[in-house]
């Protein structure tokens, strides 16, 4: 009787683990679904998935200023 009980407990733990994993995945998918099908977020999602910007937005491109790095390195070698 005891080995049978242990076997059932192990199966139960496996099933509970699978339920937890599936529940987390389901909640994640629900969040995605509600976000993607929310009409108020359609514009934001289209911008995220494409390289196009709203006509009222200005793209900002960050550039590294190598001249500052080069001058600080040359000063540190003195």
PDB file of N, CA and C in Angstrom:
ATOM      1  N   UNK A   1       0.814  -1.189   0.000  1.00  0.00           N
ATOM      2  CA  UNK A   1       0.000   0.000   0.000  1.00  0.00           C
ATOM      3  C   UNK A   1       0.860   1.257   0.000  1.00  0.00           C
ATOM      4  N   UNK A   2       1.942   1.269   0.758  1.00  0.00           N
ATOM      5  CA  UNK A   2       2.813   2.436   0.839  1.00  0.00           C
ATOM      6  C   UNK A   2       3.482   2.752  -0.505  1.00  0.00           C
ATOM      7  N   UNK A   3       4.032   1.799  -1.254  1.00  0.00           N
ATOM      8  CA  UNK A   3       4.625   2.121  -2.559  1.00  0.00           C
ATOM      9  C   UNK A   3       3.589   2.705  -3.532  1.00  0.00           C
ATOM     10  N   UNK A   4       2.385   2.171  -3.455  1.00  0.00           N
ATOM     11  CA  UNK A   4       1.321   2.689  -4.318  1.00  0.00           C
ATOM     12  C   UNK A   4       1.017   4.152  -3.974  1.00  0.00           C
ATOM     13  N   UNK A   5       0.966   4.458  -2.688  1.00  0.00           N
ATOM     14  CA  UNK A   5       0.713   5.823  -2.225  1.00  0.00           C
ATOM     15  C   UNK A   5       1.826   6.768  -2.687  1.00  0.00           C
ATOM     16  N   UNK A   6       3.078   6.332  -2.571  1.00  0.00           N
ATOM     17  CA  UNK A   6       4.211   7.156  -3.006  1.00  0.00           C
ATOM     18  C   UNK A   6       4.153   7.402  -4.510  1.00  0.00           C
ATOM     19  N   UNK A   7       3.792   6.409  -5.257  1.00  0.00           N
ATOM     20  CA  UNK A   7       3.668   6.547  -6.698  1.00  0.00           C
ATOM     21  C   UNK A   7       2.599   7.582  -7.053  1.00  0.00           C
ATOM     22  N   UNK A   8       1.481   7.504  -6.360  1.00  0.00           N
ATOM     23  CA  UNK A   8       0.403   8.461  -6.613  1.00  0.00           C
ATOM     24  C   UNK A   8       0.845   9.875  -6.232  1.00  0.00           C
ATOM     25  N   UNK A   9       1.570  10.018  -5.139  1.00  0.00           N
ATOM     26  CA  UNK A   9       2.066  11.332  -4.706  1.00  0.00           C
ATOM     27  C   UNK A   9       3.030  11.921  -5.738  1.00  0.00           C
ATOM     28  N   UNK A  10       3.894  11.093  -6.278  1.00  0.00           N
ATOM     29  CA  UNK A  10       4.841  11.563  -7.296  1.00  0.00           C
ATOM     30  C   UNK A  10       4.107  12.024  -8.552  1.00  0.00           C
ATOM     31  N   UNK A  11       3.118  11.267  -8.970  1.00  0.00           N
ATOM     32  CA  UNK A  11       2.317  11.647 -10.135  1.00  0.00           C
ATOM     33  C   UNK A  11       1.581  12.958  -9.872  1.00  0.00           C
ATOM     34  N   UNK A  12       1.060  13.097  -8.665  1.00  0.00           N
ATOM     35  CA  UNK A  12       0.353  14.316  -8.292  1.00  0.00           C
ATOM     36  C   UNK A  12       1.286  15.524  -8.339  1.00  0.00           C
ATOM     37  N   UNK A  13       2.508  15.370  -7.850  1.00  0.00           N
ATOM     38  CA  UNK A  13       3.476  16.462  -7.888  1.00  0.00           C
ATOM     39  C   UNK A  13       3.814  16.858  -9.324  1.00  0.00           C
ATOM     40  N   UNK A  14       3.970  15.878 -10.198  1.00  0.00           N
ATOM     41  CA  UNK A  14       4.251  16.147 -11.607  1.00  0.00           C
ATOM     42  C   UNK A  14       3.090  16.909 -12.230  1.00  0.00           C
ATOM     43  N   UNK A  15       1.885  16.462 -11.954  1.00  0.00           N
ATOM     44  CA  UNK A  15       0.701  17.117 -12.513  1.00  0.00           C
ATOM     45  C   UNK A  15       0.568  18.548 -11.985  1.00  0.00           C
ATOM     46  N   UNK A  16       0.794  18.741 -10.689  1.00  0.00           N
ATOM     47  CA  UNK A  16       0.716  20.086 -10.118  1.00  0.00           C
ATOM     48  C   UNK A  16       1.771  21.006 -10.717  1.00  0.00           C
ATOM     49  N   UNK A  17       2.948  20.475 -10.962  1.00  0.00           N
ATOM     50  CA  UNK A  17       4.006  21.258 -11.592  1.00  0.00           C
ATOM     51  C   UNK A  17       3.606  21.664 -13.012  1.00  0.00           C
ATOM     52  N   UNK A  18       3.037  20.739 -13.749  1.00  0.00           N
ATOM     53  CA  UNK A  18       2.591  21.040 -15.107  1.00  0.00           C
ATOM     54  C   UNK A  18       1.460  22.062 -15.101  1.00  0.00           C
ATOM     55  N   UNK A  19       0.571  21.948 -14.127  1.00  0.00           N
ATOM     56  CA  UNK A  19      -0.527  22.917 -14.015  1.00  0.00           C
ATOM     57  C   UNK A  19       0.023  24.311 -13.748  1.00  0.00           C
ATOM     58  N   UNK A  20       1.004  24.411 -12.864  1.00  0.00           N
ATOM     59  CA  UNK A  20       1.603  25.708 -12.549  1.00  0.00           C
ATOM     60  C   UNK A  20       2.255  26.315 -13.789  1.00  0.00           C
ATOM     61  N   UNK A  21       3.022  25.520 -14.512  1.00  0.00           N
ATOM     62  CA  UNK A  21       3.686  26.000 -15.727  1.00  0.00           C
ATOM     63  C   UNK A  21       2.667  26.433 -16.774  1.00  0.00           C
ATOM     64  N   UNK A  22       1.640  25.635 -16.955  1.00  0.00           N
ATOM     65  CA  UNK A  22       0.618  25.948 -17.946  1.00  0.00           C
ATOM     66  C   UNK A  22      -0.165  27.197 -17.555  1.00  0.00           C
ATOM     67  N   UNK A  23      -0.448  27.357 -16.268  1.00  0.00           N
ATOM     68  CA  UNK A  23      -1.168  28.537 -15.791  1.00  0.00           C
ATOM     69  C   UNK A  23      -0.348  29.801 -16.043  1.00  0.00           C
ATOM     70  N   UNK A  24       0.947  29.748 -15.773  1.00  0.00           N
ATOM     71  CA  UNK A  24       1.810  30.904 -16.029  1.00  0.00           C
ATOM     72  C   UNK A  24       1.829  31.239 -17.512  1.00  0.00           C
ATOM     73  N   UNK A  25       1.950  30.222 -18.349  1.00  0.00           N
ATOM     74  CA  UNK A  25       1.963  30.447 -19.793  1.00  0.00           C
ATOM     75  C   UNK A  25       0.624  31.009 -20.274  1.00  0.00           C
ATOM     76  N   UNK A  26      -0.462  30.497 -19.729  1.00  0.00           N
ATOM     77  CA  UNK A  26      -1.792  30.984 -20.088  1.00  0.00           C
ATOM     78  C   UNK A  26      -1.967  32.450 -19.701  1.00  0.00           C
ATOM     79  N   UNK A  27      -1.532  32.819 -18.507  1.00  0.00           N
ATOM     80  CA  UNK A  27      -1.633  34.213 -18.077  1.00  0.00           C
ATOM     81  C   UNK A  27      -0.810  35.125 -18.978  1.00  0.00           C
ATOM     82  N   UNK A  28       0.357  34.656 -19.370  1.00  0.00           N
ATOM     83  CA  UNK A  28       1.212  35.432 -20.274  1.00  0.00           C
ATOM     84  C   UNK A  28       0.525  35.625 -21.626  1.00  0.00           C
ATOM     85  N   UNK A  29      -0.062  34.561 -22.130  1.00  0.00           N
ATOM     86  CA  UNK A  29      -0.757  34.649 -23.422  1.00  0.00           C
ATOM     87  C   UNK A  29      -1.996  35.545 -23.331  1.00  0.00           C
ATOM     88  N   UNK A  30      -2.689  35.504 -22.216  1.00  0.00           N
ATOM     89  CA  UNK A  30      -3.849  36.385 -22.025  1.00  0.00           C
ATOM     90  C   UNK A  30      -3.420  37.851 -22.057  1.00  0.00           C
ATOM     91  N   UNK A  31      -2.299  38.162 -21.387  1.00  0.00           N
ATOM     92  CA  UNK A  31      -1.791  39.538 -21.384  1.00  0.00           C
ATOM     93  C   UNK A  31      -1.436  39.984 -22.792  1.00  0.00           C
ATOM     94  N   UNK A  32      -0.754  39.124 -23.531  1.00  0.00           N
ATOM     95  CA  UNK A  32      -0.396  39.456 -24.909  1.00  0.00           C
ATOM     96  C   UNK A  32      -1.642  39.682 -25.750  1.00  0.00           C
ATOM     97  N   UNK A  33      -2.611  38.781 -25.618  1.00  0.00           N
ATOM     98  CA  UNK A  33      -3.833  38.876 -26.406  1.00  0.00           C
ATOM     99  C   UNK A  33      -4.562  40.180 -26.112  1.00  0.00           C
ATOM    100  N   UNK A  34      -4.728  40.494 -24.836  1.00  0.00           N
ATOM    101  CA  UNK A  34      -5.460  41.711 -24.494  1.00  0.00           C
ATOM    102  C   UNK A  34      -4.695  42.950 -24.950  1.00  0.00           C
ATOM    103  N   UNK A  35      -3.370  42.889 -24.957  1.00  0.00           N
ATOM    104  CA  UNK A  35      -2.579  44.033 -25.417  1.00  0.00           C
ATOM    105  C   UNK A  35      -2.686  44.188 -26.931  1.00  0.00           C
ATOM    106  N   UNK A  36      -2.533  43.096 -27.663  1.00  0.00           N
ATOM    107  CA  UNK A  36      -2.533  43.177 -29.117  1.00  0.00           C
ATOM    108  C   UNK A  36      -3.901  43.508 -29.693  1.00  0.00           C
ATOM    109  N   UNK A  37      -4.956  43.178 -28.975  1.00  0.00           N
ATOM    110  CA  UNK A  37      -6.294  43.452 -29.483  1.00  0.00           C
ATOM    111  C   UNK A  37      -6.957  44.630 -28.781  1.00  0.00           C
ATOM    112  N   UNK A  38      -6.168  45.436 -28.097  1.00  0.00           N
ATOM    113  CA  UNK A  38      -6.675  46.649 -27.464  1.00  0.00           C
ATOM    114  C   UNK A  38      -6.585  47.779 -28.483  1.00  0.00           C
ATOM    115  N   UNK A  39      -7.714  48.327 -28.916  1.00  0.00           N
ATOM    116  CA  UNK A  39      -7.679  49.376 -29.944  1.00  0.00           C
ATOM    117  C   UNK A  39      -6.887  50.609 -29.533  1.00  0.00           C
ATOM    118  N   UNK A  40      -6.834  50.898 -28.239  1.00  0.00           N
ATOM    119  CA  UNK A  40      -6.107  52.090 -27.804  1.00  0.00           C
ATOM    120  C   UNK A  40      -4.589  51.910 -27.913  1.00  0.00           C
ATOM    121  N   UNK A  41      -4.115  50.660 -28.027  1.00  0.00           N
ATOM    122  CA  UNK A  41      -2.677  50.421 -28.124  1.00  0.00           C
ATOM    123  C   UNK A  41      -2.236  50.038 -29.530  1.00  0.00           C
ATOM    124  N   UNK A  42      -3.144  50.043 -30.457  1.00  0.00           N
ATOM    125  CA  UNK A  42      -2.818  49.621 -31.822  1.00  0.00           C
ATOM    126  C   UNK A  42      -1.694  50.459 -32.415  1.00  0.00           C
ATOM    127  N   UNK A  43      -1.751  51.771 -32.228  1.00  0.00           N
ATOM    128  CA  UNK A  43      -0.731  52.659 -32.794  1.00  0.00           C
ATOM    129  C   UNK A  43       0.650  52.377 -32.191  1.00  0.00           C
ATOM    130  N   UNK A  44       0.689  52.184 -30.894  1.00  0.00           N
ATOM    131  CA  UNK A  44       1.953  51.897 -30.210  1.00  0.00           C
ATOM    132  C   UNK A  44       2.552  50.579 -30.692  1.00  0.00           C
ATOM    133  N   UNK A  45       1.732  49.570 -30.840  1.00  0.00           N
ATOM    134  CA  UNK A  45       2.210  48.260 -31.280  1.00  0.00           C
ATOM    135  C   UNK A  45       2.721  48.328 -32.711  1.00  0.00           C
ATOM    136  N   UNK A  46       2.018  49.065 -33.565  1.00  0.00           N
ATOM    137  CA  UNK A  46       2.485  49.210 -34.951  1.00  0.00           C
ATOM    138  C   UNK A  46       3.846  49.893 -34.993  1.00  0.00           C
ATOM    139  N   UNK A  47       4.066  50.877 -34.124  1.00  0.00           N
ATOM    140  CA  UNK A  47       5.372  51.543 -34.084  1.00  0.00           C
ATOM    141  C   UNK A  47       6.453  50.602 -33.577  1.00  0.00           C
ATOM    142  N   UNK A  48       6.134  49.787 -32.592  1.00  0.00           N
ATOM    143  CA  UNK A  48       7.115  48.838 -32.053  1.00  0.00           C
ATOM    144  C   UNK A  48       7.546  47.823 -33.099  1.00  0.00           C
ATOM    145  N   UNK A  49       6.616  47.402 -33.934  1.00  0.00           N
ATOM    146  CA  UNK A  49       6.902  46.331 -34.877  1.00  0.00           C
ATOM    147  C   UNK A  49       7.375  46.833 -36.234  1.00  0.00           C
ATOM    148  N   UNK A  50       7.480  48.119 -36.400  1.00  0.00           N
ATOM    149  CA  UNK A  50       7.983  48.664 -37.657  1.00  0.00           C
ATOM    150  C   UNK A  50       8.983  49.765 -37.342  1.00  0.00           C
ATOM    151  N   UNK A  51       9.642  50.255 -38.359  1.00  0.00           N
ATOM    152  CA  UNK A  51      10.618  51.330 -38.168  1.00  0.00           C
ATOM    153  C   UNK A  51      10.010  52.704 -38.406  1.00  0.00           C
ATOM    154  N   UNK A  52       8.720  52.753 -38.626  1.00  0.00           N
ATOM    155  CA  UNK A  52       8.060  54.023 -38.905  1.00  0.00           C
ATOM    156  C   UNK A  52       7.729  54.740 -37.606  1.00  0.00           C
ATOM    157  N   UNK A  53       7.792  56.065 -37.651  1.00  0.00           N
ATOM    158  CA  UNK A  53       7.470  56.887 -36.494  1.00  0.00           C
ATOM    159  C   UNK A  53       6.235  57.718 -36.788  1.00  0.00           C
ATOM    160  N   UNK A  54       5.596  58.130 -35.727  1.00  0.00           N
ATOM    161  CA  UNK A  54       4.476  59.041 -35.849  1.00  0.00           C
ATOM    162  C   UNK A  54       4.993  60.355 -36.423  1.00  0.00           C
ATOM    163  N   UNK A  55       4.158  61.058 -37.166  1.00  0.00           N
ATOM    164  CA  UNK A  55       4.604  62.299 -37.798  1.00  0.00           C
ATOM    165  C   UNK A  55       4.944  63.374 -36.771  1.00  0.00           C
ATOM    166  N   UNK A  56       4.477  63.218 -35.546  1.00  0.00           N
ATOM    167  CA  UNK A  56       4.755  64.190 -34.486  1.00  0.00           C
ATOM    168  C   UNK A  56       5.994  63.821 -33.670  1.00  0.00           C
ATOM    169  N   UNK A  57       6.632  62.743 -34.013  1.00  0.00           N
ATOM    170  CA  UNK A  57       7.820  62.307 -33.274  1.00  0.00           C
ATOM    171  C   UNK A  57       9.064  62.528 -34.110  1.00  0.00           C
ATOM    172  N   UNK A  58      10.142  62.845 -33.423  1.00  0.00           N
ATOM    173  CA  UNK A  58      11.422  63.048 -34.080  1.00  0.00           C
ATOM    174  C   UNK A  58      12.362  61.937 -33.623  1.00  0.00           C
ATOM    175  N   UNK A  59      12.986  61.224 -34.564  1.00  0.00           N
ATOM    176  CA  UNK A  59      13.909  60.163 -34.147  1.00  0.00           C
ATOM    177  C   UNK A  59      15.180  60.748 -33.527  1.00  0.00           C
ATOM    178  N   UNK A  60      15.669  60.096 -32.507  1.00  0.00           N
ATOM    179  CA  UNK A  60      16.904  60.513 -31.844  1.00  0.00           C
ATOM    180  C   UNK A  60      17.917  59.394 -32.027  1.00  0.00           C
ATOM    181  N   UNK A  61      19.097  59.757 -32.507  1.00  0.00           N
ATOM    182  CA  UNK A  61      20.163  58.781 -32.727  1.00  0.00           C
ATOM    183  C   UNK A  61      21.337  59.178 -31.848  1.00  0.00           C
ATOM    184  N   UNK A  62      21.707  58.277 -30.938  1.00  0.00           N
ATOM    185  CA  UNK A  62      22.825  58.536 -30.036  1.00  0.00           C
ATOM    186  C   UNK A  62      24.124  58.119 -30.719  1.00  0.00           C
ATOM    187  N   UNK A  63      25.110  58.989 -30.655  1.00  0.00           N
ATOM    188  CA  UNK A  63      26.417  58.704 -31.211  1.00  0.00           C
ATOM    189  C   UNK A  63      27.449  58.773 -30.101  1.00  0.00           C
ATOM    190  N   UNK A  64      28.443  57.919 -30.180  1.00  0.00           N
ATOM    191  CA  UNK A  64      29.536  57.981 -29.214  1.00  0.00           C
ATOM    192  C   UNK A  64      30.498  59.079 -29.639  1.00  0.00           C
ATOM    193  N   UNK A  65      30.956  59.820 -28.658  1.00  0.00           N
ATOM    194  CA  UNK A  65      31.912  60.879 -28.946  1.00  0.00           C
ATOM    195  C   UNK A  65      33.313  60.334 -28.669  1.00  0.00           C
ATOM    196  N   UNK A  66      33.944  59.801 -29.712  1.00  0.00           N
ATOM    197  CA  UNK A  66      35.270  59.183 -29.565  1.00  0.00           C
ATOM    198  C   UNK A  66      36.360  60.201 -29.286  1.00  0.00           C
ATOM    199  N   UNK A  67      36.158  61.465 -29.647  1.00  0.00           N
ATOM    200  CA  UNK A  67      37.188  62.476 -29.409  1.00  0.00           C
ATOM    201  C   UNK A  67      37.385  62.704 -27.912  1.00  0.00           C
ATOM    202  N   UNK A  68      36.330  62.615 -27.119  1.00  0.00           N
ATOM    203  CA  UNK A  68      36.465  62.777 -25.670  1.00  0.00           C
ATOM    204  C   UNK A  68      37.226  61.598 -25.088  1.00  0.00           C
ATOM    205  N   UNK A  69      36.930  60.409 -25.536  1.00  0.00           N
ATOM    206  CA  UNK A  69      37.640  59.231 -25.044  1.00  0.00           C
ATOM    207  C   UNK A  69      39.114  59.283 -25.420  1.00  0.00           C
ATOM    208  N   UNK A  70      39.402  59.698 -26.648  1.00  0.00           N
ATOM    209  CA  UNK A  70      40.780  59.750 -27.104  1.00  0.00           C
ATOM    210  C   UNK A  70      41.572  60.789 -26.341  1.00  0.00           C
ATOM    211  N   UNK A  71      40.977  61.963 -26.074  1.00  0.00           N
ATOM    212  CA  UNK A  71      41.706  63.000 -25.362  1.00  0.00           C
ATOM    213  C   UNK A  71      41.915  62.627 -23.904  1.00  0.00           C
ATOM    214  N   UNK A  72      40.971  61.970 -23.276  1.00  0.00           N
ATOM    215  CA  UNK A  72      41.147  61.558 -21.886  1.00  0.00           C
ATOM    216  C   UNK A  72      42.197  60.453 -21.776  1.00  0.00           C
ATOM    217  N   UNK A  73      42.276  59.589 -22.764  1.00  0.00           N
ATOM    218  CA  UNK A  73      43.293  58.538 -22.753  1.00  0.00           C
ATOM    219  C   UNK A  73      44.684  59.132 -22.954  1.00  0.00           C
ATOM    220  N   UNK A  74      44.805  60.145 -23.796  1.00  0.00           N
ATOM    221  CA  UNK A  74      46.109  60.747 -24.024  1.00  0.00           C
ATOM    222  C   UNK A  74      46.556  61.545 -22.794  1.00  0.00           C
ATOM    223  N   UNK A  75      45.618  62.149 -22.073  1.00  0.00           N
ATOM    224  CA  UNK A  75      45.958  62.887 -20.858  1.00  0.00           C
ATOM    225  C   UNK A  75      46.380  61.933 -19.737  1.00  0.00           C
ATOM    226  N   UNK A  76      45.795  60.777 -19.670  1.00  0.00           N
ATOM    227  CA  UNK A  76      46.125  59.838 -18.608  1.00  0.00           C
ATOM    228  C   UNK A  76      47.504  59.217 -18.828  1.00  0.00           C
ATOM    229  N   UNK A  77      47.986  59.226 -20.055  1.00  0.00           N
ATOM    230  CA  UNK A  77      49.293  58.642 -20.311  1.00  0.00           C
ATOM    231  C   UNK A  77      50.426  59.622 -19.988  1.00  0.00           C
ATOM    232  N   UNK A  78      50.097  60.893 -19.706  1.00  0.00           N
ATOM    233  CA  UNK A  78      51.135  61.871 -19.373  1.00  0.00           C
ATOM    234  C   UNK A  78      51.657  61.726 -18.009  1.00  0.00           C
TER     235      UNK A  78
END
